[in-house]
């Protein structure tokens, strides 16, 4: 087996296991990967508001998925309508509290993923993986 195929297989396996780990951590909150993507945007800008149209453009996801996921997040009270703009949403108080819990979960996953890897090894891996990502993006 050549090293390129091994690398591709390893990346696919890591992606699968990482997704399963994230899904397991999100399950108690009733959040799926699509909803997480939206929440991460709000977590990065906790005072920000976004309309569904803005979320479609920023996240490059179709409007139907954005609409369904925003409604699920509103139903769970993680997002709420902005009182100053009925077309926009903002992170609710419950959503703000969720940020800390989600970040803690991600730190746990990261610590598990990088356990036993030396700093120089991790740095080299990040350099190589960044280059792989850049190469893939350039060929889209």
Protein backbone atom coordinates (compact mmCIF):
# COMPACT_ATOMS: atom_id res chain seq x y z
CA UNK A 1 0.00 0.00 0.00
CA UNK A 2 1.45 3.38 -0.93
CA UNK A 3 1.83 6.16 1.60
CA UNK A 4 -0.64 8.45 -0.19
CA UNK A 5 -3.43 5.87 0.15
CA UNK A 6 -2.46 5.24 3.77
CA UNK A 7 -2.61 8.99 4.48
CA UNK A 8 -6.03 9.30 2.85
CA UNK A 9 -7.34 6.28 4.77
CA UNK A 10 -5.97 7.70 8.04
CA UNK A 11 -7.55 11.11 7.45
CA UNK A 12 -10.92 9.47 6.72
CA UNK A 13 -10.63 7.33 9.87
CA UNK A 14 -9.65 10.32 12.04
CA UNK A 15 -12.57 12.33 10.62
CA UNK A 16 -15.00 9.50 11.37
CA UNK A 17 -13.80 8.99 14.95
CA UNK A 18 -13.65 12.74 15.61
CA UNK A 19 -17.21 13.20 14.32
CA UNK A 20 -18.41 10.35 16.54
CA UNK A 21 -16.66 11.92 19.54
CA UNK A 22 -18.20 15.33 18.86
CA UNK A 23 -21.66 13.82 18.32
CA UNK A 24 -21.36 11.92 21.62
CA UNK A 25 -20.40 15.10 23.48
CA UNK A 26 -23.28 17.06 21.88
CA UNK A 27 -25.95 14.41 22.47
CA UNK A 28 -26.89 15.58 26.00
CA UNK A 29 -27.66 19.04 24.57
CA UNK A 30 -29.73 17.73 21.68
CA UNK A 31 -27.44 19.42 19.17
CA UNK A 32 -26.37 17.99 15.83
CA UNK A 33 -23.41 18.93 13.66
CA UNK A 34 -25.43 21.42 11.58
CA UNK A 35 -26.59 23.21 14.69
CA UNK A 36 -23.07 23.20 16.09
CA UNK A 37 -21.79 24.97 13.00
CA UNK A 38 -24.30 27.78 13.58
CA UNK A 39 -23.61 27.93 17.31
CA UNK A 40 -19.85 28.16 16.75
CA UNK A 41 -20.42 31.33 14.73
CA UNK A 42 -22.45 32.83 17.56
CA UNK A 43 -19.89 31.63 20.13
CA UNK A 44 -17.16 33.48 18.22
CA UNK A 45 -19.24 36.67 18.36
CA UNK A 46 -21.43 36.36 21.45
CA UNK A 47 -22.93 39.85 21.04
CA UNK A 48 -23.54 39.41 17.30
CA UNK A 49 -26.79 38.92 15.48
CA UNK A 50 -27.26 37.08 12.21
CA UNK A 51 -30.18 36.69 9.84
CA UNK A 52 -30.75 33.36 8.15
CA UNK A 53 -29.60 34.93 4.87
CA UNK A 54 -26.32 35.99 6.51
CA UNK A 55 -25.85 32.50 7.96
CA UNK A 56 -26.37 30.98 4.50
CA UNK A 57 -23.66 33.23 3.04
CA UNK A 58 -21.17 32.90 5.91
CA UNK A 59 -21.51 29.15 6.39
CA UNK A 60 -22.13 28.29 2.72
CA UNK A 61 -25.05 26.02 3.63
CA UNK A 62 -28.40 25.96 1.82
CA UNK A 63 -31.24 28.03 3.23
CA UNK A 64 -33.42 25.02 4.08
CA UNK A 65 -30.76 23.52 6.34
CA UNK A 66 -30.07 26.87 7.98
CA UNK A 67 -33.78 27.47 8.56
CA UNK A 68 -34.36 24.02 10.11
CA UNK A 69 -31.27 24.23 12.32
CA UNK A 70 -31.99 27.79 13.48
CA UNK A 71 -35.54 26.77 14.42
CA UNK A 72 -34.22 23.77 16.38
CA UNK A 73 -31.81 26.07 18.23
CA UNK A 74 -34.64 28.53 18.96
CA UNK A 75 -36.87 25.66 20.17
CA UNK A 76 -34.08 24.57 22.53
CA UNK A 77 -33.72 28.23 23.66
CA UNK A 78 -30.05 28.45 22.61
CA UNK A 79 -30.91 31.23 20.12
CA UNK A 80 -33.58 33.90 20.23
CA UNK A 81 -34.89 36.56 17.89
CA UNK A 82 -33.20 39.91 18.18
CA UNK A 83 -35.80 42.34 19.61
CA UNK A 84 -34.38 45.12 17.41
CA UNK A 85 -34.51 43.10 14.17
CA UNK A 86 -37.10 40.33 13.84
CA UNK A 87 -35.16 38.78 10.93
CA UNK A 88 -32.03 38.34 13.05
CA UNK A 89 -31.11 35.93 15.80
CA UNK A 90 -28.77 36.18 18.74
CA UNK A 91 -27.35 33.88 21.35
CA UNK A 92 -29.71 33.54 24.33
CA UNK A 93 -28.58 33.44 27.94
CA UNK A 94 -28.95 29.64 27.83
CA UNK A 95 -26.86 29.62 24.63
CA UNK A 96 -24.16 31.69 26.31
CA UNK A 97 -23.99 29.19 29.16
CA UNK A 98 -23.80 26.38 26.61
CA UNK A 99 -20.67 27.94 25.10
CA UNK A 100 -18.60 27.15 28.19
CA UNK A 101 -19.86 23.56 28.29
CA UNK A 102 -19.18 22.99 24.58
CA UNK A 103 -15.71 24.51 24.83
CA UNK A 104 -14.97 22.26 27.81
CA UNK A 105 -16.11 19.24 25.77
CA UNK A 106 -13.89 20.25 22.85
CA UNK A 107 -10.88 20.73 25.13
CA UNK A 108 -11.52 17.21 26.45
CA UNK A 109 -11.63 15.82 22.89
CA UNK A 110 -8.49 17.74 21.95
CA UNK A 111 -6.61 16.52 25.03
CA UNK A 112 -7.63 12.95 24.24
CA UNK A 113 -6.63 13.34 20.60
CA UNK A 114 -3.18 14.78 21.34
CA UNK A 115 -2.35 12.63 24.39
CA UNK A 116 1.27 11.47 24.34
CA UNK A 117 2.26 13.61 21.37
CA UNK A 118 5.26 15.85 21.97
CA UNK A 119 5.00 19.55 21.16
CA UNK A 120 7.49 19.33 18.28
CA UNK A 121 5.65 16.34 16.80
CA UNK A 122 2.34 18.17 17.07
CA UNK A 123 3.83 21.28 15.48
CA UNK A 124 5.18 19.28 12.55
CA UNK A 125 1.87 17.47 12.14
CA UNK A 126 -0.02 20.78 12.11
CA UNK A 127 2.35 22.14 9.46
CA UNK A 128 1.88 19.10 7.22
CA UNK A 129 -1.90 18.94 7.72
CA UNK A 130 -2.21 22.68 6.99
CA UNK A 131 -0.35 22.16 3.73
CA UNK A 132 -2.57 19.20 2.82
CA UNK A 133 -5.66 21.32 3.52
CA UNK A 134 -4.31 24.18 1.41
CA UNK A 135 -3.50 21.80 -1.46
CA UNK A 136 -7.02 20.37 -1.37
CA UNK A 137 -8.65 23.80 -1.28
CA UNK A 138 -6.57 24.99 -4.24
CA UNK A 139 -7.81 22.05 -6.30
CA UNK A 140 -11.53 22.57 -5.67
